[in-house]
């Protein structure tokens, strides 16, 4: 007997950029729950990407300590707090950040182990 199982559609998360932090909603933060630290960068399309870093990888010592950020995981959101990081993100994207958030959609790439914040829409 052949069975076709029903599954929920993959849900996209959301990221809010403030002048002091990136806040991820629950959906966006779930893949990062086990991260010890994270790396933040830009892909070739000028999308912001976040990659989790394990404690073991940190111990290897091959990562630039200044390129690693803490992530605070709560029940309904996750937050990466760094005014310096947000200045760099704003400059790279050509945006102005303040108390009012700029919101973007996110997707998780299981194969690459990267959360993409779609800033180049």
PDB file of N, CA and C in Angstrom:
ATOM      1  N   UNK A   1       0.843  -1.157   0.000  1.00  0.00           N
ATOM      2  CA  UNK A   1       0.000   0.000   0.000  1.00  0.00           C
ATOM      3  C   UNK A   1       0.904   1.241   0.000  1.00  0.00           C
ATOM      4  N   UNK A   2       0.693   2.146  -0.942  1.00  0.00           N
ATOM      5  CA  UNK A   2       1.452   3.389  -1.034  1.00  0.00           C
ATOM      6  C   UNK A   2       0.725   4.474  -0.236  1.00  0.00           C
ATOM      7  N   UNK A   3       1.486   5.176   0.568  1.00  0.00           N
ATOM      8  CA  UNK A   3       0.908   6.227   1.406  1.00  0.00           C
ATOM      9  C   UNK A   3       1.577   7.550   1.066  1.00  0.00           C
ATOM     10  N   UNK A   4       0.768   8.569   0.890  1.00  0.00           N
ATOM     11  CA  UNK A   4       1.291   9.916   0.696  1.00  0.00           C
ATOM     12  C   UNK A   4       0.977  10.705   1.949  1.00  0.00           C
ATOM     13  N   UNK A   5       2.013  11.105   2.676  1.00  0.00           N
ATOM     14  CA  UNK A   5       1.837  11.814   3.932  1.00  0.00           C
ATOM     15  C   UNK A   5       1.676  13.300   3.688  1.00  0.00           C
ATOM     16  N   UNK A   6       0.810  13.907   4.440  1.00  0.00           N
ATOM     17  CA  UNK A   6       0.620  15.352   4.371  1.00  0.00           C
ATOM     18  C   UNK A   6       1.598  16.019   5.323  1.00  0.00           C
ATOM     19  N   UNK A   7       2.106  17.142   4.898  1.00  0.00           N
ATOM     20  CA  UNK A   7       3.005  17.891   5.772  1.00  0.00           C
ATOM     21  C   UNK A   7       2.679  19.375   5.658  1.00  0.00           C
ATOM     22  N   UNK A   8       3.054  20.099   6.669  1.00  0.00           N
ATOM     23  CA  UNK A   8       2.845  21.544   6.650  1.00  0.00           C
ATOM     24  C   UNK A   8       3.788  22.171   5.645  1.00  0.00           C
ATOM     25  N   UNK A   9       3.353  23.278   5.060  1.00  0.00           N
ATOM     26  CA  UNK A   9       4.245  24.025   4.194  1.00  0.00           C
ATOM     27  C   UNK A   9       5.337  24.651   5.049  1.00  0.00           C
ATOM     28  N   UNK A  10       6.516  24.721   4.492  1.00  0.00           N
ATOM     29  CA  UNK A  10       7.609  25.373   5.214  1.00  0.00           C
ATOM     30  C   UNK A  10       7.242  26.838   5.424  1.00  0.00           C
ATOM     31  N   UNK A  11       7.449  27.307   6.624  1.00  0.00           N
ATOM     32  CA  UNK A  11       7.124  28.692   6.934  1.00  0.00           C
ATOM     33  C   UNK A  11       8.400  29.517   6.918  1.00  0.00           C
ATOM     34  N   UNK A  12       8.261  30.708   6.405  1.00  0.00           N
ATOM     35  CA  UNK A  12       9.408  31.607   6.364  1.00  0.00           C
ATOM     36  C   UNK A  12       9.416  32.459   7.613  1.00  0.00           C
ATOM     37  N   UNK A  13      10.593  32.737   8.094  1.00  0.00           N
ATOM     38  CA  UNK A  13      10.736  33.559   9.280  1.00  0.00           C
ATOM     39  C   UNK A  13      10.834  35.029   8.926  1.00  0.00           C
ATOM     40  N   UNK A  14      11.076  35.832   9.959  1.00  0.00           N
ATOM     41  CA  UNK A  14      11.225  37.269   9.774  1.00  0.00           C
ATOM     42  C   UNK A  14      12.362  37.778  10.648  1.00  0.00           C
ATOM     43  N   UNK A  15      13.054  38.773  10.132  1.00  0.00           N
ATOM     44  CA  UNK A  15      14.135  39.441  10.862  1.00  0.00           C
ATOM     45  C   UNK A  15      13.845  40.932  10.871  1.00  0.00           C
ATOM     46  N   UNK A  16      14.065  41.548  12.018  1.00  0.00           N
ATOM     47  CA  UNK A  16      13.899  42.996  12.157  1.00  0.00           C
ATOM     48  C   UNK A  16      15.255  43.603  12.470  1.00  0.00           C
ATOM     49  N   UNK A  17      15.639  44.608  11.694  1.00  0.00           N
ATOM     50  CA  UNK A  17      16.905  45.307  11.900  1.00  0.00           C
ATOM     51  C   UNK A  17      16.646  46.598  12.660  1.00  0.00           C
ATOM     52  N   UNK A  18      17.342  46.759  13.759  1.00  0.00           N
ATOM     53  CA  UNK A  18      17.335  47.989  14.553  1.00  0.00           C
ATOM     54  C   UNK A  18      18.758  48.546  14.532  1.00  0.00           C
ATOM     55  N   UNK A  19      18.952  49.720  15.069  1.00  0.00           N
ATOM     56  CA  UNK A  19      20.296  50.305  15.091  1.00  0.00           C
ATOM     57  C   UNK A  19      21.234  49.551  16.034  1.00  0.00           C
ATOM     58  N   UNK A  20      20.679  48.762  16.953  1.00  0.00           N
ATOM     59  CA  UNK A  20      21.507  48.061  17.932  1.00  0.00           C
ATOM     60  C   UNK A  20      21.456  46.539  17.831  1.00  0.00           C
ATOM     61  N   UNK A  21      20.544  45.988  17.026  1.00  0.00           N
ATOM     62  CA  UNK A  21      20.414  44.531  17.011  1.00  0.00           C
ATOM     63  C   UNK A  21      19.645  44.018  15.810  1.00  0.00           C
ATOM     64  N   UNK A  22      19.741  42.713  15.617  1.00  0.00           N
ATOM     65  CA  UNK A  22      18.882  41.966  14.696  1.00  0.00           C
ATOM     66  C   UNK A  22      18.007  41.091  15.576  1.00  0.00           C
ATOM     67  N   UNK A  23      16.701  41.189  15.396  1.00  0.00           N
ATOM     68  CA  UNK A  23      15.774  40.350  16.145  1.00  0.00           C
ATOM     69  C   UNK A  23      15.118  39.385  15.166  1.00  0.00           C
ATOM     70  N   UNK A  24      15.165  38.102  15.486  1.00  0.00           N
ATOM     71  CA  UNK A  24      14.581  37.052  14.660  1.00  0.00           C
ATOM     72  C   UNK A  24      13.328  36.517  15.334  1.00  0.00           C
ATOM     73  N   UNK A  25      12.263  36.303  14.556  1.00  0.00           N
ATOM     74  CA  UNK A  25      11.064  35.717  15.157  1.00  0.00           C
ATOM     75  C   UNK A  25      11.296  34.230  15.427  1.00  0.00           C
ATOM     76  N   UNK A  26      10.316  33.587  16.026  1.00  0.00           N
ATOM     77  CA  UNK A  26      10.457  32.183  16.424  1.00  0.00           C
ATOM     78  C   UNK A  26      10.843  31.288  15.262  1.00  0.00           C
ATOM     79  N   UNK A  27      10.179  31.448  14.130  1.00  0.00           N
ATOM     80  CA  UNK A  27      10.441  30.580  12.981  1.00  0.00           C
ATOM     81  C   UNK A  27      11.883  30.734  12.510  1.00  0.00           C
ATOM     82  N   UNK A  28      12.358  31.959  12.446  1.00  0.00           N
ATOM     83  CA  UNK A  28      13.736  32.201  11.995  1.00  0.00           C
ATOM     84  C   UNK A  28      14.763  31.727  13.015  1.00  0.00           C
ATOM     85  N   UNK A  29      14.408  31.768  14.297  1.00  0.00           N
ATOM     86  CA  UNK A  29      15.391  31.447  15.328  1.00  0.00           C
ATOM     87  C   UNK A  29      15.527  29.963  15.632  1.00  0.00           C
ATOM     88  N   UNK A  30      14.540  29.160  15.285  1.00  0.00           N
ATOM     89  CA  UNK A  30      14.582  27.728  15.619  1.00  0.00           C
ATOM     90  C   UNK A  30      15.859  27.036  15.142  1.00  0.00           C
ATOM     91  N   UNK A  31      16.311  27.234  13.903  1.00  0.00           N
ATOM     92  CA  UNK A  31      17.534  26.540  13.474  1.00  0.00           C
ATOM     93  C   UNK A  31      18.796  26.991  14.208  1.00  0.00           C
ATOM     94  N   UNK A  32      18.733  28.123  14.896  1.00  0.00           N
ATOM     95  CA  UNK A  32      19.907  28.645  15.589  1.00  0.00           C
ATOM     96  C   UNK A  32      19.910  28.320  17.073  1.00  0.00           C
ATOM     97  N   UNK A  33      18.891  27.597  17.545  1.00  0.00           N
ATOM     98  CA  UNK A  33      18.750  27.324  18.979  1.00  0.00           C
ATOM     99  C   UNK A  33      19.945  26.607  19.587  1.00  0.00           C
ATOM    100  N   UNK A  34      20.603  25.780  18.831  1.00  0.00           N
ATOM    101  CA  UNK A  34      21.733  25.025  19.388  1.00  0.00           C
ATOM    102  C   UNK A  34      23.078  25.702  19.118  1.00  0.00           C
ATOM    103  N   UNK A  35      23.063  26.891  18.536  1.00  0.00           N
ATOM    104  CA  UNK A  35      24.312  27.589  18.231  1.00  0.00           C
ATOM    105  C   UNK A  35      24.971  28.093  19.507  1.00  0.00           C
ATOM    106  N   UNK A  36      26.262  27.924  19.575  1.00  0.00           N
ATOM    107  CA  UNK A  36      27.042  28.473  20.685  1.00  0.00           C
ATOM    108  C   UNK A  36      27.284  29.965  20.421  1.00  0.00           C
ATOM    109  N   UNK A  37      27.671  30.279  19.221  1.00  0.00           N
ATOM    110  CA  UNK A  37      27.853  31.640  18.723  1.00  0.00           C
ATOM    111  C   UNK A  37      27.398  31.648  17.260  1.00  0.00           C
ATOM    112  N   UNK A  38      27.468  32.815  16.616  1.00  0.00           N
ATOM    113  CA  UNK A  38      27.092  32.895  15.204  1.00  0.00           C
ATOM    114  C   UNK A  38      28.076  33.782  14.453  1.00  0.00           C
ATOM    115  N   UNK A  39      28.080  33.609  13.137  1.00  0.00           N
ATOM    116  CA  UNK A  39      28.804  34.497  12.236  1.00  0.00           C
ATOM    117  C   UNK A  39      27.766  35.207  11.383  1.00  0.00           C
ATOM    118  N   UNK A  40      28.024  36.460  11.035  1.00  0.00           N
ATOM    119  CA  UNK A  40      27.114  37.231  10.199  1.00  0.00           C
ATOM    120  C   UNK A  40      27.906  37.759   9.016  1.00  0.00           C
ATOM    121  N   UNK A  41      27.328  37.644   7.824  1.00  0.00           N
ATOM    122  CA  UNK A  41      28.014  38.131   6.626  1.00  0.00           C
ATOM    123  C   UNK A  41      27.022  38.499   5.538  1.00  0.00           C
ATOM    124  N   UNK A  42      27.552  38.796   4.361  1.00  0.00           N
ATOM    125  CA  UNK A  42      26.743  39.103   3.177  1.00  0.00           C
ATOM    126  C   UNK A  42      27.053  38.087   2.096  1.00  0.00           C
ATOM    127  N   UNK A  43      26.014  37.644   1.399  1.00  0.00           N
ATOM    128  CA  UNK A  43      26.261  36.757   0.262  1.00  0.00           C
ATOM    129  C   UNK A  43      26.456  37.600  -0.996  1.00  0.00           C
ATOM    130  N   UNK A  44      26.644  36.936  -2.126  1.00  0.00           N
ATOM    131  CA  UNK A  44      26.921  37.644  -3.380  1.00  0.00           C
ATOM    132  C   UNK A  44      25.750  38.508  -3.852  1.00  0.00           C
ATOM    133  N   UNK A  45      24.545  38.260  -3.316  1.00  0.00           N
ATOM    134  CA  UNK A  45      23.360  39.050  -3.688  1.00  0.00           C
ATOM    135  C   UNK A  45      23.048  40.153  -2.678  1.00  0.00           C
ATOM    136  N   UNK A  46      23.966  40.385  -1.753  1.00  0.00           N
ATOM    137  CA  UNK A  46      23.793  41.373  -0.681  1.00  0.00           C
ATOM    138  C   UNK A  46      22.657  41.010   0.273  1.00  0.00           C
ATOM    139  N   UNK A  47      22.451  39.727   0.471  1.00  0.00           N
ATOM    140  CA  UNK A  47      21.564  39.245   1.529  1.00  0.00           C
ATOM    141  C   UNK A  47      22.421  39.017   2.769  1.00  0.00           C
ATOM    142  N   UNK A  48      21.882  39.338   3.928  1.00  0.00           N
ATOM    143  CA  UNK A  48      22.595  39.069   5.174  1.00  0.00           C
ATOM    144  C   UNK A  48      22.435  37.583   5.490  1.00  0.00           C
ATOM    145  N   UNK A  49      23.524  36.925   5.832  1.00  0.00           N
ATOM    146  CA  UNK A  49      23.486  35.503   6.162  1.00  0.00           C
ATOM    147  C   UNK A  49      24.027  35.287   7.572  1.00  0.00           C
ATOM    148  N   UNK A  50      23.421  34.334   8.255  1.00  0.00           N
ATOM    149  CA  UNK A  50      23.833  33.988   9.614  1.00  0.00           C
ATOM    150  C   UNK A  50      24.136  32.503   9.645  1.00  0.00           C
ATOM    151  N   UNK A  51      25.304  32.168  10.177  1.00  0.00           N
ATOM    152  CA  UNK A  51      25.697  30.767  10.290  1.00  0.00           C
ATOM    153  C   UNK A  51      25.990  30.442  11.748  1.00  0.00           C
ATOM    154  N   UNK A  52      25.383  29.376  12.266  1.00  0.00           N
ATOM    155  CA  UNK A  52      25.689  28.977  13.642  1.00  0.00           C
ATOM    156  C   UNK A  52      27.111  28.449  13.750  1.00  0.00           C
ATOM    157  N   UNK A  53      27.706  28.678  14.918  1.00  0.00           N
ATOM    158  CA  UNK A  53      29.054  28.186  15.200  1.00  0.00           C
ATOM    159  C   UNK A  53      28.976  27.357  16.476  1.00  0.00           C
ATOM    160  N   UNK A  54      29.479  26.145  16.421  1.00  0.00           N
ATOM    161  CA  UNK A  54      29.450  25.261  17.585  1.00  0.00           C
ATOM    162  C   UNK A  54      30.600  25.583  18.540  1.00  0.00           C
ATOM    163  N   UNK A  55      30.477  25.106  19.751  1.00  0.00           N
ATOM    164  CA  UNK A  55      31.532  25.279  20.752  1.00  0.00           C
ATOM    165  C   UNK A  55      32.816  24.582  20.290  1.00  0.00           C
ATOM    166  N   UNK A  56      32.670  23.421  19.659  1.00  0.00           N
ATOM    167  CA  UNK A  56      33.822  22.675  19.158  1.00  0.00           C
ATOM    168  C   UNK A  56      34.564  23.476  18.092  1.00  0.00           C
ATOM    169  N   UNK A  57      33.810  24.112  17.198  1.00  0.00           N
ATOM    170  CA  UNK A  57      34.435  24.922  16.139  1.00  0.00           C
ATOM    171  C   UNK A  57      35.162  26.115  16.747  1.00  0.00           C
ATOM    172  N   UNK A  58      34.612  26.690  17.792  1.00  0.00           N
ATOM    173  CA  UNK A  58      35.266  27.808  18.468  1.00  0.00           C
ATOM    174  C   UNK A  58      36.595  27.348  19.083  1.00  0.00           C
ATOM    175  N   UNK A  59      36.603  26.129  19.626  1.00  0.00           N
ATOM    176  CA  UNK A  59      37.818  25.595  20.246  1.00  0.00           C
ATOM    177  C   UNK A  59      38.924  25.336  19.233  1.00  0.00           C
ATOM    178  N   UNK A  60      38.533  25.079  17.978  1.00  0.00           N
ATOM    179  CA  UNK A  60      39.533  24.826  16.938  1.00  0.00           C
ATOM    180  C   UNK A  60      40.455  26.022  16.745  1.00  0.00           C
ATOM    181  N   UNK A  61      39.949  27.224  17.028  1.00  0.00           N
ATOM    182  CA  UNK A  61      40.776  28.420  16.946  1.00  0.00           C
ATOM    183  C   UNK A  61      41.026  28.947  15.554  1.00  0.00           C
ATOM    184  N   UNK A  62      40.302  28.457  14.551  1.00  0.00           N
ATOM    185  CA  UNK A  62      40.530  28.921  13.183  1.00  0.00           C
ATOM    186  C   UNK A  62      39.609  30.073  12.779  1.00  0.00           C
ATOM    187  N   UNK A  63      38.786  30.548  13.700  1.00  0.00           N
ATOM    188  CA  UNK A  63      37.862  31.642  13.403  1.00  0.00           C
ATOM    189  C   UNK A  63      38.374  32.942  14.010  1.00  0.00           C
ATOM    190  N   UNK A  64      38.132  34.037  13.323  1.00  0.00           N
ATOM    191  CA  UNK A  64      38.479  35.355  13.842  1.00  0.00           C
ATOM    192  C   UNK A  64      37.516  35.674  14.983  1.00  0.00           C
ATOM    193  N   UNK A  65      38.018  35.836  16.174  1.00  0.00           N
ATOM    194  CA  UNK A  65      37.185  36.109  17.343  1.00  0.00           C
ATOM    195  C   UNK A  65      36.353  37.366  17.219  1.00  0.00           C
ATOM    196  N   UNK A  66      36.814  38.326  16.419  1.00  0.00           N
ATOM    197  CA  UNK A  66      36.064  39.565  16.225  1.00  0.00           C
ATOM    198  C   UNK A  66      34.929  39.402  15.216  1.00  0.00           C
ATOM    199  N   UNK A  67      34.863  38.269  14.543  1.00  0.00           N
ATOM    200  CA  UNK A  67      33.814  38.011  13.561  1.00  0.00           C
ATOM    201  C   UNK A  67      32.752  37.061  14.116  1.00  0.00           C
ATOM    202  N   UNK A  68      32.804  36.808  15.415  1.00  0.00           N
ATOM    203  CA  UNK A  68      31.872  35.901  16.071  1.00  0.00           C
ATOM    204  C   UNK A  68      30.991  36.718  17.014  1.00  0.00           C
ATOM    205  N   UNK A  69      29.705  36.432  17.002  1.00  0.00           N
ATOM    206  CA  UNK A  69      28.755  37.188  17.822  1.00  0.00           C
ATOM    207  C   UNK A  69      27.940  36.254  18.697  1.00  0.00           C
ATOM    208  N   UNK A  70      27.513  36.772  19.835  1.00  0.00           N
ATOM    209  CA  UNK A  70      26.615  36.024  20.705  1.00  0.00           C
ATOM    210  C   UNK A  70      25.194  36.156  20.173  1.00  0.00           C
ATOM    211  N   UNK A  71      24.397  35.140  20.421  1.00  0.00           N
ATOM    212  CA  UNK A  71      22.986  35.182  20.087  1.00  0.00           C
ATOM    213  C   UNK A  71      22.211  34.800  21.341  1.00  0.00           C
ATOM    214  N   UNK A  72      21.217  35.590  21.665  1.00  0.00           N
ATOM    215  CA  UNK A  72      20.358  35.314  22.823  1.00  0.00           C
ATOM    216  C   UNK A  72      19.068  34.694  22.310  1.00  0.00           C
ATOM    217  N   UNK A  73      18.791  33.488  22.770  1.00  0.00           N
ATOM    218  CA  UNK A  73      17.591  32.772  22.339  1.00  0.00           C
ATOM    219  C   UNK A  73      16.554  32.829  23.455  1.00  0.00           C
ATOM    220  N   UNK A  74      15.380  33.313  23.139  1.00  0.00           N
ATOM    221  CA  UNK A  74      14.242  33.345  24.067  1.00  0.00           C
ATOM    222  C   UNK A  74      13.144  32.466  23.484  1.00  0.00           C
ATOM    223  N   UNK A  75      12.017  32.354  24.195  1.00  0.00           N
ATOM    224  CA  UNK A  75      10.928  31.488  23.711  1.00  0.00           C
ATOM    225  C   UNK A  75      10.346  31.951  22.385  1.00  0.00           C
ATOM    226  N   UNK A  76      10.191  33.255  22.205  1.00  0.00           N
ATOM    227  CA  UNK A  76       9.495  33.757  21.017  1.00  0.00           C
ATOM    228  C   UNK A  76      10.376  34.543  20.055  1.00  0.00           C
ATOM    229  N   UNK A  77      11.661  34.652  20.360  1.00  0.00           N
ATOM    230  CA  UNK A  77      12.550  35.386  19.463  1.00  0.00           C
ATOM    231  C   UNK A  77      14.008  35.075  19.795  1.00  0.00           C
ATOM    232  N   UNK A  78      14.887  35.516  18.909  1.00  0.00           N
ATOM    233  CA  UNK A  78      16.329  35.471  19.152  1.00  0.00           C
ATOM    234  C   UNK A  78      16.879  36.845  18.808  1.00  0.00           C
ATOM    235  N   UNK A  79      17.962  37.217  19.454  1.00  0.00           N
ATOM    236  CA  UNK A  79      18.513  38.553  19.228  1.00  0.00           C
ATOM    237  C   UNK A  79      20.034  38.507  19.168  1.00  0.00           C
ATOM    238  N   UNK A  80      20.556  39.225  18.176  1.00  0.00           N
ATOM    239  CA  UNK A  80      21.992  39.429  18.030  1.00  0.00           C
ATOM    240  C   UNK A  80      22.206  40.912  18.305  1.00  0.00           C
ATOM    241  N   UNK A  81      22.798  41.236  19.429  1.00  0.00           N
ATOM    242  CA  UNK A  81      22.970  42.628  19.837  1.00  0.00           C
ATOM    243  C   UNK A  81      24.402  43.083  19.622  1.00  0.00           C
ATOM    244  N   UNK A  82      24.565  44.058  18.733  1.00  0.00           N
ATOM    245  CA  UNK A  82      25.876  44.653  18.489  1.00  0.00           C
ATOM    246  C   UNK A  82      25.683  45.919  17.654  1.00  0.00           C
ATOM    247  N   UNK A  83      25.916  47.047  18.277  1.00  0.00           N
ATOM    248  CA  UNK A  83      25.797  48.315  17.557  1.00  0.00           C
ATOM    249  C   UNK A  83      26.827  48.382  16.437  1.00  0.00           C
ATOM    250  N   UNK A  84      28.038  47.901  16.699  1.00  0.00           N
ATOM    251  CA  UNK A  84      29.088  47.901  15.677  1.00  0.00           C
ATOM    252  C   UNK A  84      28.676  47.054  14.470  1.00  0.00           C
ATOM    253  N   UNK A  85      28.148  45.860  14.720  1.00  0.00           N
ATOM    254  CA  UNK A  85      27.676  44.999  13.635  1.00  0.00           C
ATOM    255  C   UNK A  85      26.595  45.706  12.827  1.00  0.00           C
ATOM    256  N   UNK A  86      25.650  46.341  13.508  1.00  0.00           N
ATOM    257  CA  UNK A  86      24.540  46.970  12.799  1.00  0.00           C
ATOM    258  C   UNK A  86      25.003  48.180  11.980  1.00  0.00           C
ATOM    259  N   UNK A  87      26.036  48.877  12.446  1.00  0.00           N
ATOM    260  CA  UNK A  87      26.610  49.964  11.635  1.00  0.00           C
ATOM    261  C   UNK A  87      27.199  49.403  10.345  1.00  0.00           C
ATOM    262  N   UNK A  88      27.896  48.273  10.471  1.00  0.00           N
ATOM    263  CA  UNK A  88      28.498  47.647   9.287  1.00  0.00           C
ATOM    264  C   UNK A  88      27.429  47.136   8.322  1.00  0.00           C
ATOM    265  N   UNK A  89      26.379  46.525   8.864  1.00  0.00           N
ATOM    266  CA  UNK A  89      25.277  46.027   8.030  1.00  0.00           C
ATOM    267  C   UNK A  89      24.607  47.187   7.306  1.00  0.00           C
ATOM    268  N   UNK A  90      24.303  48.255   8.031  1.00  0.00           N
ATOM    269  CA  UNK A  90      23.640  49.420   7.433  1.00  0.00           C
ATOM    270  C   UNK A  90      24.497  50.023   6.317  1.00  0.00           C
ATOM    271  N   UNK A  91      25.780  50.145   6.560  1.00  0.00           N
ATOM    272  CA  UNK A  91      26.677  50.703   5.544  1.00  0.00           C
ATOM    273  C   UNK A  91      26.725  49.806   4.310  1.00  0.00           C
ATOM    274  N   UNK A  92      26.856  48.500   4.525  1.00  0.00           N
ATOM    275  CA  UNK A  92      26.939  47.560   3.404  1.00  0.00           C
ATOM    276  C   UNK A  92      25.659  47.543   2.571  1.00  0.00           C
ATOM    277  N   UNK A  93      24.516  47.719   3.228  1.00  0.00           N
ATOM    278  CA  UNK A  93      23.229  47.672   2.525  1.00  0.00           C
ATOM    279  C   UNK A  93      22.754  49.049   2.065  1.00  0.00           C
ATOM    280  N   UNK A  94      23.396  50.106   2.548  1.00  0.00           N
ATOM    281  CA  UNK A  94      22.979  51.456   2.188  1.00  0.00           C
ATOM    282  C   UNK A  94      21.637  51.832   2.802  1.00  0.00           C
ATOM    283  N   UNK A  95      21.428  51.426   4.061  1.00  0.00           N
ATOM    284  CA  UNK A  95      20.173  51.734   4.744  1.00  0.00           C
ATOM    285  C   UNK A  95      20.460  52.530   6.010  1.00  0.00           C
ATOM    286  N   UNK A  96      19.412  53.180   6.527  1.00  0.00           N
ATOM    287  CA  UNK A  96      19.522  53.922   7.779  1.00  0.00           C
ATOM    288  C   UNK A  96      18.718  53.171   8.830  1.00  0.00           C
ATOM    289  N   UNK A  97      19.364  52.871   9.947  1.00  0.00           N
ATOM    290  CA  UNK A  97      18.709  52.132  11.023  1.00  0.00           C
ATOM    291  C   UNK A  97      18.486  53.041  12.219  1.00  0.00           C
ATOM    292  N   UNK A  98      17.319  52.892  12.852  1.00  0.00           N
ATOM    293  CA  UNK A  98      17.022  53.635  14.075  1.00  0.00           C
ATOM    294  C   UNK A  98      16.108  52.791  14.953  1.00  0.00           C
ATOM    295  N   UNK A  99      15.293  53.437  15.781  1.00  0.00           N
ATOM    296  CA  UNK A  99      14.420  52.697  16.698  1.00  0.00           C
ATOM    297  C   UNK A  99      13.305  51.955  15.978  1.00  0.00           C
ATOM    298  N   UNK A 100      12.891  52.454  14.815  1.00  0.00           N
ATOM    299  CA  UNK A 100      11.837  51.795  14.041  1.00  0.00           C
ATOM    300  C   UNK A 100      12.481  50.685  13.207  1.00  0.00           C
ATOM    301  N   UNK A 101      12.020  49.457  13.347  1.00  0.00           N
ATOM    302  CA  UNK A 101      12.692  48.346  12.656  1.00  0.00           C
ATOM    303  C   UNK A 101      12.422  48.318  11.159  1.00  0.00           C
ATOM    304  N   UNK A 102      13.381  47.760  10.443  1.00  0.00           N
ATOM    305  CA  UNK A 102      13.199  47.418   9.035  1.00  0.00           C
ATOM    306  C   UNK A 102      13.069  45.905   9.013  1.00  0.00           C
ATOM    307  N   UNK A 103      11.966  45.394   8.459  1.00  0.00           N
ATOM    308  CA  UNK A 103      11.698  43.955   8.500  1.00  0.00           C
ATOM    309  C   UNK A 103      11.982  43.297   7.156  1.00  0.00           C
ATOM    310  N   UNK A 104      12.543  42.096   7.252  1.00  0.00           N
ATOM    311  CA  UNK A 104      12.868  41.292   6.081  1.00  0.00           C
ATOM    312  C   UNK A 104      12.440  39.845   6.319  1.00  0.00           C
ATOM    313  N   UNK A 105      12.177  39.126   5.247  1.00  0.00           N
ATOM    314  CA  UNK A 105      11.884  37.702   5.338  1.00  0.00           C
ATOM    315  C   UNK A 105      13.162  36.896   5.431  1.00  0.00           C
ATOM    316  N   UNK A 106      13.037  35.682   5.967  1.00  0.00           N
ATOM    317  CA  UNK A 106      14.196  34.797   6.107  1.00  0.00           C
ATOM    318  C   UNK A 106      13.865  33.402   5.592  1.00  0.00           C
ATOM    319  N   UNK A 107      14.884  32.683   5.220  1.00  0.00           N
ATOM    320  CA  UNK A 107      14.755  31.260   4.892  1.00  0.00           C
ATOM    321  C   UNK A 107      15.970  30.530   5.450  1.00  0.00           C
ATOM    322  N   UNK A 108      15.767  29.271   5.779  1.00  0.00           N
ATOM    323  CA  UNK A 108      16.837  28.428   6.314  1.00  0.00           C
ATOM    324  C   UNK A 108      17.262  27.450   5.239  1.00  0.00           C
ATOM    325  N   UNK A 109      18.553  27.374   4.972  1.00  0.00           N
ATOM    326  CA  UNK A 109      19.118  26.432   4.021  1.00  0.00           C
ATOM    327  C   UNK A 109      19.761  25.302   4.822  1.00  0.00           C
ATOM    328  N   UNK A 110      19.074  24.173   4.869  1.00  0.00           N
ATOM    329  CA  UNK A 110      19.540  23.024   5.653  1.00  0.00           C
ATOM    330  C   UNK A 110      20.887  22.525   5.132  1.00  0.00           C
ATOM    331  N   UNK A 111      21.019  22.459   3.829  1.00  0.00           N
ATOM    332  CA  UNK A 111      22.230  21.927   3.214  1.00  0.00           C
ATOM    333  C   UNK A 111      23.457  22.778   3.554  1.00  0.00           C
ATOM    334  N   UNK A 112      23.319  24.091   3.477  1.00  0.00           N
ATOM    335  CA  UNK A 112      24.431  24.998   3.742  1.00  0.00           C
ATOM    336  C   UNK A 112      24.537  25.399   5.214  1.00  0.00           C
ATOM    337  N   UNK A 113      23.503  25.089   6.011  1.00  0.00           N
ATOM    338  CA  UNK A 113      23.472  25.437   7.429  1.00  0.00           C
ATOM    339  C   UNK A 113      23.555  26.957   7.624  1.00  0.00           C
ATOM    340  N   UNK A 114      22.733  27.671   6.829  1.00  0.00           N
ATOM    341  CA  UNK A 114      22.764  29.134   6.833  1.00  0.00           C
ATOM    342  C   UNK A 114      21.345  29.685   6.834  1.00  0.00           C
ATOM    343  N   UNK A 115      21.131  30.702   7.672  1.00  0.00           N
ATOM    344  CA  UNK A 115      19.893  31.471   7.658  1.00  0.00           C
ATOM    345  C   UNK A 115      20.131  32.677   6.773  1.00  0.00           C
ATOM    346  N   UNK A 116      19.293  32.848   5.760  1.00  0.00           N
ATOM    347  CA  UNK A 116      19.413  33.998   4.852  1.00  0.00           C
ATOM    348  C   UNK A 116      18.328  35.002   5.175  1.00  0.00           C
ATOM    349  N   UNK A 117      18.737  36.243   5.380  1.00  0.00           N
ATOM    350  CA  UNK A 117      17.811  37.348   5.564  1.00  0.00           C
ATOM    351  C   UNK A 117      17.755  38.064   4.220  1.00  0.00           C
ATOM    352  N   UNK A 118      16.600  38.036   3.597  1.00  0.00           N
ATOM    353  CA  UNK A 118      16.464  38.526   2.219  1.00  0.00           C
ATOM    354  C   UNK A 118      16.380  40.053   2.183  1.00  0.00           C
ATOM    355  N   UNK A 119      17.567  40.669   2.146  1.00  0.00           N
ATOM    356  CA  UNK A 119      17.664  42.126   2.161  1.00  0.00           C
ATOM    357  C   UNK A 119      17.793  42.721   0.765  1.00  0.00           C
ATOM    358  N   UNK A 120      17.939  41.881  -0.234  1.00  0.00           N
ATOM    359  CA  UNK A 120      18.177  42.380  -1.607  1.00  0.00           C
ATOM    360  C   UNK A 120      16.953  42.273  -2.504  1.00  0.00           C
ATOM    361  N   UNK A 121      15.790  42.327  -1.902  1.00  0.00           N
ATOM    362  CA  UNK A 121      14.537  42.117  -2.658  1.00  0.00           C
ATOM    363  C   UNK A 121      14.394  43.038  -3.817  1.00  0.00           C
TER     364      UNK A 121
END
